[in-house]
Amino acid sequence: MNADNQQERLTIGFYIAGFTDGEGSFHVAFEKRPSVTLGWQIIPEFHISQHKNDLKLLHFIQKYLGCGTIRPNHRGNQGDENQVLVVRNRKDLTNLIIPFFMKFKLRSSKAKDFEKFKTILALLNKDCHKTKTGFNKIVELAYAMNKNGKYRKRNKHILLESSETIRQTTKTK
């Protein structure tokens, strides 16, 4: 494929959006980090997964989008033969991924997840995550994504309560 001509670029863009509807996700992870203001690092991620036999397709999408890394889907699971294109860099998410999906609209339920993801990135870029109110808003939005957090390992109340405890501890010092 030669993405130099405008019509082909549009076709490829719509293809990648459709592919993302089936094989992609927008996700926000929370990692315990005592060194950050409220004790939790917020990690926004865009993923597209594919079986290792179709790794060439992930490389094509990576090149087209101009960002991301490709790695095994579940590094510790030998039975998982999928690879995943992951974009975690906040600048790439803000400047490349968000504008891409604003131009090439998602058609599945992932469109609603994308809108929440976009809002979370905007809050992060304004440093809202450094306040209890902003952090809690991000948690609520993140847990409303991907089937209302159905597959999350951690209950959101742990994050909300933990941020309150850390905020109070910081205040009394």
N, C-alpha and C. Protein backbone atom coordinates (compact mmCIF):
# COMPACT_ATOMS: atom_id res chain seq x y z
N MET A 1 0.84 -1.18 0.00
CA MET A 1 0.00 0.00 0.00
C MET A 1 0.88 1.24 0.00
N ASN A 2 0.47 2.21 -0.76
CA ASN A 2 1.19 3.46 -0.83
C ASN A 2 0.25 4.56 -0.34
N ALA A 3 0.53 5.07 0.84
CA ALA A 3 -0.39 6.02 1.47
C ALA A 3 -0.12 7.46 1.03
N ASP A 4 0.55 7.64 -0.10
CA ASP A 4 0.88 8.99 -0.55
C ASP A 4 -0.33 9.72 -1.14
N ASN A 5 -1.19 9.01 -1.81
CA ASN A 5 -2.31 9.72 -2.42
C ASN A 5 -3.45 9.88 -1.42
N GLN A 6 -4.15 11.01 -1.52
CA GLN A 6 -5.16 11.40 -0.53
C GLN A 6 -6.29 10.38 -0.41
N GLN A 7 -6.79 9.88 -1.51
CA GLN A 7 -7.89 8.91 -1.47
C GLN A 7 -7.47 7.64 -0.74
N GLU A 8 -6.25 7.18 -1.01
CA GLU A 8 -5.76 5.98 -0.34
C GLU A 8 -5.58 6.22 1.15
N ARG A 9 -5.11 7.42 1.53
CA ARG A 9 -4.95 7.75 2.95
C ARG A 9 -6.30 7.70 3.67
N LEU A 10 -7.34 8.23 3.03
CA LEU A 10 -8.67 8.19 3.62
C LEU A 10 -9.15 6.75 3.79
N THR A 11 -8.96 5.95 2.77
CA THR A 11 -9.37 4.55 2.82
C THR A 11 -8.64 3.83 3.95
N ILE A 12 -7.34 4.04 4.06
CA ILE A 12 -6.55 3.40 5.11
C ILE A 12 -7.00 3.89 6.49
N GLY A 13 -7.28 5.18 6.61
CA GLY A 13 -7.74 5.73 7.89
C GLY A 13 -9.04 5.08 8.34
N PHE A 14 -9.98 4.96 7.42
CA PHE A 14 -11.26 4.31 7.76
C PHE A 14 -11.05 2.83 8.08
N TYR A 15 -10.14 2.20 7.36
CA TYR A 15 -9.82 0.79 7.64
C TYR A 15 -9.29 0.63 9.06
N ILE A 16 -8.34 1.49 9.45
CA ILE A 16 -7.75 1.40 10.80
C ILE A 16 -8.80 1.68 11.87
N ALA A 17 -9.69 2.64 11.62
CA ALA A 17 -10.77 2.91 12.58
C ALA A 17 -11.67 1.68 12.72
N GLY A 18 -12.03 1.07 11.61
CA GLY A 18 -12.86 -0.14 11.66
C GLY A 18 -12.14 -1.28 12.34
N PHE A 19 -10.87 -1.40 12.05
CA PHE A 19 -10.06 -2.44 12.68
C PHE A 19 -10.01 -2.23 14.20
N THR A 20 -9.88 -0.97 14.61
CA THR A 20 -9.87 -0.64 16.04
C THR A 20 -11.22 -0.97 16.68
N ASP A 21 -12.31 -0.75 15.96
CA ASP A 21 -13.63 -1.12 16.49
C ASP A 21 -13.66 -2.59 16.89
N GLY A 22 -12.97 -3.42 16.13
CA GLY A 22 -12.96 -4.86 16.42
C GLY A 22 -11.84 -5.32 17.32
N GLU A 23 -10.65 -4.77 17.15
CA GLU A 23 -9.46 -5.31 17.81
C GLU A 23 -8.72 -4.31 18.69
N GLY A 24 -9.28 -3.14 18.91
CA GLY A 24 -8.58 -2.10 19.67
C GLY A 24 -9.29 -1.76 20.96
N SER A 25 -8.62 -0.95 21.78
CA SER A 25 -9.24 -0.46 23.00
C SER A 25 -8.52 0.78 23.50
N PHE A 26 -9.27 1.56 24.25
CA PHE A 26 -8.74 2.70 24.98
C PHE A 26 -8.85 2.32 26.44
N HIS A 27 -7.78 2.50 27.17
CA HIS A 27 -7.74 2.02 28.55
C HIS A 27 -6.96 3.01 29.40
N VAL A 28 -7.34 3.11 30.65
CA VAL A 28 -6.61 3.94 31.61
C VAL A 28 -6.26 3.06 32.80
N ALA A 29 -4.97 2.85 33.00
CA ALA A 29 -4.48 2.02 34.11
C ALA A 29 -4.09 2.91 35.28
N PHE A 30 -4.12 2.31 36.46
CA PHE A 30 -3.70 3.00 37.68
C PHE A 30 -2.65 2.14 38.37
N GLU A 31 -1.51 2.73 38.63
CA GLU A 31 -0.40 2.00 39.23
C GLU A 31 0.01 2.70 40.52
N LYS A 32 0.09 1.93 41.61
CA LYS A 32 0.46 2.49 42.91
C LYS A 32 1.86 3.08 42.83
N ARG A 33 1.98 4.36 43.15
CA ARG A 33 3.27 5.08 43.13
C ARG A 33 3.28 6.10 44.26
N PRO A 34 3.89 5.78 45.38
CA PRO A 34 3.93 6.73 46.50
C PRO A 34 4.61 8.06 46.15
N SER A 35 5.43 8.08 45.12
CA SER A 35 6.17 9.29 44.77
C SER A 35 5.32 10.35 44.04
N VAL A 36 4.12 9.99 43.57
CA VAL A 36 3.27 10.98 42.90
C VAL A 36 2.27 11.56 43.89
N THR A 37 1.73 12.71 43.55
CA THR A 37 0.92 13.51 44.46
C THR A 37 -0.13 12.73 45.24
N LEU A 38 -0.98 11.97 44.57
CA LEU A 38 -2.05 11.25 45.25
C LEU A 38 -1.79 9.76 45.38
N GLY A 39 -0.56 9.33 45.10
CA GLY A 39 -0.18 7.94 45.33
C GLY A 39 -0.46 6.97 44.20
N TRP A 40 -1.06 7.46 43.11
CA TRP A 40 -1.40 6.59 41.97
C TRP A 40 -0.95 7.26 40.68
N GLN A 41 -0.20 6.53 39.88
CA GLN A 41 0.15 7.00 38.55
C GLN A 41 -0.98 6.61 37.60
N ILE A 42 -1.38 7.54 36.75
CA ILE A 42 -2.45 7.30 35.79
C ILE A 42 -1.80 7.08 34.43
N ILE A 43 -2.11 5.93 33.81
CA ILE A 43 -1.47 5.55 32.55
C ILE A 43 -2.53 5.35 31.47
N PRO A 44 -2.73 6.37 30.62
CA PRO A 44 -3.66 6.19 29.50
C PRO A 44 -2.97 5.38 28.39
N GLU A 45 -3.74 4.47 27.77
CA GLU A 45 -3.18 3.59 26.75
C GLU A 45 -4.17 3.37 25.62
N PHE A 46 -3.63 3.28 24.42
CA PHE A 46 -4.39 2.85 23.25
C PHE A 46 -3.76 1.54 22.80
N HIS A 47 -4.57 0.52 22.54
CA HIS A 47 -4.09 -0.81 22.15
C HIS A 47 -4.79 -1.28 20.87
N ILE A 48 -4.04 -1.99 20.04
CA ILE A 48 -4.63 -2.80 18.97
C ILE A 48 -3.91 -4.14 19.03
N SER A 49 -4.66 -5.23 19.12
CA SER A 49 -4.02 -6.54 19.20
C SER A 49 -4.31 -7.36 17.95
N GLN A 50 -3.41 -8.31 17.70
CA GLN A 50 -3.53 -9.16 16.53
C GLN A 50 -2.67 -10.41 16.74
N HIS A 51 -3.07 -11.51 16.17
CA HIS A 51 -2.29 -12.75 16.27
C HIS A 51 -0.91 -12.53 15.66
N LYS A 52 0.09 -13.20 16.21
CA LYS A 52 1.47 -13.02 15.76
C LYS A 52 1.66 -13.30 14.27
N ASN A 53 0.80 -14.11 13.68
CA ASN A 53 0.89 -14.39 12.24
C ASN A 53 0.59 -13.16 11.39
N ASP A 54 -0.11 -12.19 11.99
CA ASP A 54 -0.45 -10.96 11.27
C ASP A 54 0.30 -9.75 11.83
N LEU A 55 1.48 -9.99 12.34
CA LEU A 55 2.31 -8.94 12.92
C LEU A 55 2.60 -7.83 11.90
N LYS A 56 2.70 -8.20 10.65
CA LYS A 56 2.96 -7.24 9.57
C LYS A 56 1.89 -6.14 9.56
N LEU A 57 0.65 -6.51 9.85
CA LEU A 57 -0.44 -5.55 9.90
C LEU A 57 -0.24 -4.54 11.04
N LEU A 58 0.17 -5.01 12.20
CA LEU A 58 0.44 -4.10 13.32
C LEU A 58 1.56 -3.13 12.98
N HIS A 59 2.60 -3.62 12.31
CA HIS A 59 3.70 -2.75 11.91
C HIS A 59 3.22 -1.69 10.91
N PHE A 60 2.33 -2.08 10.01
CA PHE A 60 1.77 -1.13 9.05
C PHE A 60 0.98 -0.04 9.79
N ILE A 61 0.13 -0.44 10.74
CA ILE A 61 -0.68 0.53 11.50
C ILE A 61 0.23 1.43 12.32
N GLN A 62 1.24 0.86 12.95
CA GLN A 62 2.20 1.64 13.73
C GLN A 62 2.86 2.71 12.86
N LYS A 63 3.30 2.32 11.69
CA LYS A 63 3.95 3.25 10.77
C LYS A 63 2.97 4.33 10.32
N TYR A 64 1.75 3.94 10.00
CA TYR A 64 0.74 4.90 9.55
C TYR A 64 0.42 5.92 10.65
N LEU A 65 0.24 5.43 11.88
CA LEU A 65 -0.08 6.33 12.99
C LEU A 65 1.13 7.15 13.44
N GLY A 66 2.32 6.60 13.21
CA GLY A 66 3.54 7.31 13.57
C GLY A 66 3.91 7.23 15.03
N CYS A 67 3.44 6.19 15.72
CA CYS A 67 3.75 6.06 17.14
C CYS A 67 3.45 4.66 17.65
N GLY A 68 3.86 4.40 18.87
CA GLY A 68 3.55 3.15 19.55
C GLY A 68 4.66 2.13 19.50
N THR A 69 4.53 1.13 20.34
CA THR A 69 5.46 0.01 20.37
C THR A 69 4.66 -1.28 20.22
N ILE A 70 5.31 -2.29 19.68
CA ILE A 70 4.65 -3.59 19.51
C ILE A 70 5.35 -4.57 20.44
N ARG A 71 4.53 -5.33 21.18
CA ARG A 71 5.06 -6.29 22.15
C ARG A 71 4.09 -7.46 22.29
N PRO A 72 4.53 -8.53 22.97
CA PRO A 72 3.57 -9.63 23.24
C PRO A 72 2.40 -9.10 24.06
N ASN A 73 1.23 -9.63 23.81
CA ASN A 73 0.02 -9.18 24.50
C ASN A 73 0.11 -9.43 26.00
N HIS A 74 0.42 -10.64 26.39
CA HIS A 74 0.60 -10.99 27.80
C HIS A 74 1.96 -11.66 27.92
N ARG A 75 2.94 -10.89 28.32
CA ARG A 75 4.33 -11.37 28.33
C ARG A 75 4.53 -12.67 29.08
N GLY A 76 3.83 -12.87 30.18
CA GLY A 76 4.04 -14.06 31.00
C GLY A 76 3.24 -15.28 30.56
N ASN A 77 2.31 -15.09 29.65
CA ASN A 77 1.42 -16.17 29.23
C ASN A 77 1.91 -16.77 27.92
N GLN A 78 2.53 -17.94 27.99
CA GLN A 78 3.09 -18.59 26.80
C GLN A 78 2.00 -19.01 25.81
N GLY A 79 0.78 -19.20 26.28
CA GLY A 79 -0.31 -19.63 25.41
C GLY A 79 -0.91 -18.50 24.58
N ASP A 80 -0.64 -17.27 24.97
CA ASP A 80 -1.18 -16.13 24.23
C ASP A 80 -0.25 -15.81 23.07
N GLU A 81 -0.74 -16.02 21.86
CA GLU A 81 0.08 -15.79 20.67
C GLU A 81 -0.20 -14.45 20.01
N ASN A 82 -0.87 -13.56 20.73
CA ASN A 82 -1.19 -12.26 20.19
C ASN A 82 -0.08 -11.25 20.47
N GLN A 83 0.04 -10.30 19.57
CA GLN A 83 0.92 -9.16 19.73
C GLN A 83 0.02 -7.94 19.88
N VAL A 84 0.56 -6.89 20.48
CA VAL A 84 -0.25 -5.70 20.68
C VAL A 84 0.57 -4.45 20.36
N LEU A 85 -0.07 -3.54 19.64
CA LEU A 85 0.48 -2.21 19.42
C LEU A 85 -0.03 -1.35 20.57
N VAL A 86 0.89 -0.76 21.33
CA VAL A 86 0.53 0.02 22.50
C VAL A 86 1.05 1.45 22.33
N VAL A 87 0.18 2.42 22.58
CA VAL A 87 0.60 3.82 22.62
C VAL A 87 0.30 4.32 24.02
N ARG A 88 1.36 4.69 24.75
CA ARG A 88 1.24 5.21 26.11
C ARG A 88 1.73 6.65 26.23
N ASN A 89 2.57 7.06 25.31
CA ASN A 89 3.14 8.40 25.39
C ASN A 89 2.02 9.43 25.29
N ARG A 90 1.92 10.28 26.30
CA ARG A 90 0.80 11.22 26.37
C ARG A 90 0.81 12.21 25.20
N LYS A 91 1.98 12.63 24.77
CA LYS A 91 2.05 13.54 23.61
C LYS A 91 1.54 12.85 22.35
N ASP A 92 1.94 11.59 22.16
CA ASP A 92 1.46 10.84 20.99
C ASP A 92 -0.05 10.61 21.06
N LEU A 93 -0.54 10.30 22.24
CA LEU A 93 -1.98 10.10 22.40
C LEU A 93 -2.73 11.40 22.08
N THR A 94 -2.22 12.51 22.60
CA THR A 94 -2.88 13.81 22.42
C THR A 94 -2.75 14.32 20.99
N ASN A 95 -1.57 14.22 20.42
CA ASN A 95 -1.29 14.86 19.13
C ASN A 95 -1.51 13.96 17.91
N LEU A 96 -1.51 12.64 18.11
CA LEU A 96 -1.67 11.73 16.97
C LEU A 96 -2.93 10.87 17.07
N ILE A 97 -3.11 10.19 18.20
CA ILE A 97 -4.23 9.24 18.32
C ILE A 97 -5.58 9.96 18.42
N ILE A 98 -5.69 10.95 19.29
CA ILE A 98 -6.97 11.67 19.44
C ILE A 98 -7.39 12.32 18.11
N PRO A 99 -6.52 13.10 17.45
CA PRO A 99 -6.94 13.69 16.17
C PRO A 99 -7.30 12.64 15.11
N PHE A 100 -6.57 11.52 15.11
CA PHE A 100 -6.88 10.46 14.15
C PHE A 100 -8.32 9.98 14.32
N PHE A 101 -8.70 9.66 15.57
CA PHE A 101 -10.05 9.12 15.79
C PHE A 101 -11.13 10.20 15.80
N MET A 102 -10.74 11.45 15.85
CA MET A 102 -11.72 12.51 15.65
C MET A 102 -12.05 12.62 14.16
N LYS A 103 -11.06 12.35 13.32
CA LYS A 103 -11.27 12.38 11.88
C LYS A 103 -11.92 11.10 11.38
N PHE A 104 -11.44 9.96 11.87
CA PHE A 104 -11.95 8.66 11.44
C PHE A 104 -12.74 8.06 12.60
N LYS A 105 -14.02 8.30 12.59
CA LYS A 105 -14.90 7.96 13.71
C LYS A 105 -15.05 6.46 13.92
N LEU A 106 -15.09 6.09 15.19
CA LEU A 106 -15.40 4.71 15.57
C LEU A 106 -16.91 4.53 15.46
N ARG A 107 -17.33 3.33 15.17
CA ARG A 107 -18.76 3.05 14.97
C ARG A 107 -19.35 2.15 16.05
N SER A 108 -18.50 1.49 16.83
CA SER A 108 -18.98 0.56 17.85
C SER A 108 -19.12 1.28 19.19
N SER A 109 -19.38 0.51 20.24
CA SER A 109 -19.47 1.07 21.59
C SER A 109 -18.15 1.70 22.02
N LYS A 110 -17.08 1.40 21.30
CA LYS A 110 -15.77 2.00 21.62
C LYS A 110 -15.76 3.51 21.36
N ALA A 111 -16.71 4.01 20.60
CA ALA A 111 -16.81 5.45 20.37
C ALA A 111 -17.05 6.18 21.70
N LYS A 112 -17.89 5.61 22.56
CA LYS A 112 -18.16 6.22 23.87
C LYS A 112 -16.92 6.13 24.77
N ASP A 113 -16.21 5.01 24.69
CA ASP A 113 -14.96 4.88 25.45
C ASP A 113 -13.94 5.91 24.97
N PHE A 114 -13.88 6.11 23.67
CA PHE A 114 -12.96 7.10 23.10
C PHE A 114 -13.27 8.49 23.65
N GLU A 115 -14.54 8.87 23.72
CA GLU A 115 -14.91 10.19 24.24
C GLU A 115 -14.47 10.36 25.69
N LYS A 116 -14.64 9.33 26.49
CA LYS A 116 -14.19 9.39 27.89
C LYS A 116 -12.66 9.47 27.95
N PHE A 117 -12.01 8.68 27.11
CA PHE A 117 -10.55 8.67 27.04
C PHE A 117 -10.03 10.06 26.67
N LYS A 118 -10.67 10.68 25.70
CA LYS A 118 -10.30 12.03 25.26
C LYS A 118 -10.44 13.03 26.41
N THR A 119 -11.51 12.91 27.17
CA THR A 119 -11.74 13.79 28.33
C THR A 119 -10.66 13.56 29.39
N ILE A 120 -10.33 12.31 29.64
CA ILE A 120 -9.29 11.98 30.63
C ILE A 120 -7.95 12.58 30.21
N LEU A 121 -7.60 12.44 28.94
CA LEU A 121 -6.34 13.04 28.46
C LEU A 121 -6.34 14.55 28.63
N ALA A 122 -7.45 15.19 28.34
CA ALA A 122 -7.54 16.65 28.51
C ALA A 122 -7.33 17.02 29.99
N LEU A 123 -7.93 16.25 30.89
CA LEU A 123 -7.75 16.51 32.33
C LEU A 123 -6.29 16.30 32.75
N LEU A 124 -5.67 15.25 32.25
CA LEU A 124 -4.26 14.99 32.55
C LEU A 124 -3.38 16.11 32.03
N ASN A 125 -3.66 16.57 30.82
CA ASN A 125 -2.85 17.63 30.21
C ASN A 125 -3.01 18.97 30.93
N LYS A 126 -4.10 19.13 31.70
CA LYS A 126 -4.30 20.33 32.51
C LYS A 126 -3.85 20.12 33.95
N ASP A 127 -3.20 18.96 34.22
CA ASP A 127 -2.72 18.60 35.57
C ASP A 127 -3.83 18.46 36.60
N CYS A 128 -5.04 18.20 36.16
CA CYS A 128 -6.17 18.02 37.08
C CYS A 128 -6.00 16.80 37.97
N HIS A 129 -5.21 15.83 37.52
CA HIS A 129 -5.01 14.60 38.29
C HIS A 129 -4.24 14.84 39.58
N LYS A 130 -3.70 16.02 39.75
CA LYS A 130 -2.93 16.33 40.95
C LYS A 130 -3.80 16.85 42.09
N THR A 131 -5.09 17.00 41.82
CA THR A 131 -6.04 17.38 42.87
C THR A 131 -6.97 16.20 43.12
N LYS A 132 -7.49 16.13 44.33
CA LYS A 132 -8.40 15.04 44.68
C LYS A 132 -9.62 15.03 43.76
N THR A 133 -10.20 16.21 43.53
CA THR A 133 -11.39 16.30 42.69
C THR A 133 -11.10 15.83 41.27
N GLY A 134 -10.00 16.30 40.70
CA GLY A 134 -9.63 15.90 39.34
C GLY A 134 -9.30 14.43 39.25
N PHE A 135 -8.55 13.93 40.23
CA PHE A 135 -8.20 12.51 40.27
C PHE A 135 -9.47 11.65 40.33
N ASN A 136 -10.38 12.02 41.22
CA ASN A 136 -11.61 11.25 41.36
C ASN A 136 -12.45 11.27 40.08
N LYS A 137 -12.47 12.42 39.39
CA LYS A 137 -13.20 12.50 38.12
C LYS A 137 -12.59 11.55 37.09
N ILE A 138 -11.25 11.51 37.04
CA ILE A 138 -10.56 10.61 36.11
C ILE A 138 -10.88 9.15 36.45
N VAL A 139 -10.87 8.82 37.73
CA VAL A 139 -11.19 7.44 38.15
C VAL A 139 -12.61 7.08 37.71
N GLU A 140 -13.56 7.96 37.97
CA GLU A 140 -14.95 7.69 37.60
C GLU A 140 -15.09 7.49 36.09
N LEU A 141 -14.45 8.35 35.30
CA LEU A 141 -14.52 8.21 33.84
C LEU A 141 -13.86 6.91 33.38
N ALA A 142 -12.69 6.61 33.93
CA ALA A 142 -11.95 5.40 33.53
C ALA A 142 -12.74 4.14 33.85
N TYR A 143 -13.40 4.14 35.00
CA TYR A 143 -14.17 2.96 35.40
C TYR A 143 -15.52 2.87 34.68
N ALA A 144 -15.90 3.93 33.97
CA ALA A 144 -17.11 3.89 33.15
C ALA A 144 -16.80 3.38 31.74
N MET A 145 -15.52 3.20 31.45
CA MET A 145 -15.10 2.70 30.13
C MET A 145 -15.08 1.18 30.10
N ASN A 146 -15.01 0.63 28.90
CA ASN A 146 -14.80 -0.81 28.71
C ASN A 146 -15.75 -1.66 29.56
N LYS A 147 -17.02 -1.50 29.23
CA LYS A 147 -18.09 -2.25 29.92
C LYS A 147 -18.11 -1.96 31.42
N ASN A 148 -17.98 -0.68 31.75
CA ASN A 148 -18.02 -0.21 33.14
C ASN A 148 -16.99 -0.90 34.04
N GLY A 149 -15.80 -1.08 33.50
CA GLY A 149 -14.71 -1.65 34.29
C GLY A 149 -14.91 -3.11 34.66
N LYS A 150 -15.70 -3.80 33.89
CA LYS A 150 -16.06 -5.19 34.18
C LYS A 150 -14.84 -6.09 34.40
N TYR A 151 -13.77 -5.84 33.68
CA TYR A 151 -12.60 -6.72 33.77
C TYR A 151 -11.47 -6.15 34.63
N ARG A 152 -11.73 -5.10 35.34
CA ARG A 152 -10.69 -4.50 36.20
C ARG A 152 -10.45 -5.38 37.41
N LYS A 153 -9.20 -5.44 37.81
CA LYS A 153 -8.81 -6.27 38.96
C LYS A 153 -9.02 -5.53 40.28
N ARG A 154 -8.98 -4.21 40.23
CA ARG A 154 -9.04 -3.40 41.45
C ARG A 154 -10.36 -2.63 41.47
N ASN A 155 -11.03 -2.64 42.61
CA ASN A 155 -12.26 -1.88 42.81
C ASN A 155 -11.92 -0.39 42.84
N LYS A 156 -12.73 0.43 42.19
CA LYS A 156 -12.43 1.87 42.12
C LYS A 156 -12.43 2.54 43.50
N HIS A 157 -13.14 1.98 44.46
CA HIS A 157 -13.20 2.59 45.79
C HIS A 157 -11.83 2.57 46.48
N ILE A 158 -11.00 1.60 46.12
CA ILE A 158 -9.63 1.56 46.66
C ILE A 158 -8.86 2.80 46.20
N LEU A 159 -9.02 3.17 44.94
CA LEU A 159 -8.36 4.35 44.41
C LEU A 159 -8.92 5.62 45.03
N LEU A 160 -10.23 5.71 45.12
CA LEU A 160 -10.87 6.91 45.66
C LEU A 160 -10.54 7.10 47.14
N GLU A 161 -10.59 6.03 47.91
CA GLU A 161 -10.27 6.11 49.34
C GLU A 161 -8.78 6.37 49.56
N SER A 162 -7.95 5.73 48.77
CA SER A 162 -6.51 5.89 48.89
C SER A 162 -6.10 7.33 48.61
N SER A 163 -6.69 7.95 47.59
CA SER A 163 -6.34 9.33 47.27
C SER A 163 -6.76 10.26 48.40
N GLU A 164 -7.87 9.97 49.06
CA GLU A 164 -8.33 10.79 50.19
C GLU A 164 -7.36 10.65 51.37
N THR A 165 -6.94 9.43 51.66
CA THR A 165 -6.00 9.19 52.77
C THR A 165 -4.68 9.92 52.51
N ILE A 166 -4.16 9.80 51.32
CA ILE A 166 -2.89 10.46 50.99
C ILE A 166 -3.04 11.95 51.05
N ARG A 167 -4.17 12.50 50.57
CA ARG A 167 -4.40 13.94 50.59
C ARG A 167 -4.42 14.45 52.03
N GLN A 168 -5.11 13.73 52.94
CA GLN A 168 -5.18 14.14 54.33
C GLN A 168 -3.81 14.05 55.00
N THR A 169 -3.05 13.01 54.70
CA THR A 169 -1.72 12.83 55.27
C THR A 169 -0.79 13.96 54.83
N THR A 170 -0.86 14.33 53.55
CA THR A 170 -0.04 15.40 53.00
C THR A 170 -0.40 16.73 53.64
N LYS A 171 -1.69 16.96 53.89
CA LYS A 171 -2.18 18.21 54.48
C LYS A 171 -1.66 18.42 55.91
N THR A 172 -1.56 17.32 56.69
CA THR A 172 -1.18 17.44 58.09
C THR A 172 0.33 17.56 58.31
N LYS A 173 1.11 17.34 57.27
CA LYS A 173 2.57 17.44 57.41
C LYS A 173 3.04 18.86 57.47
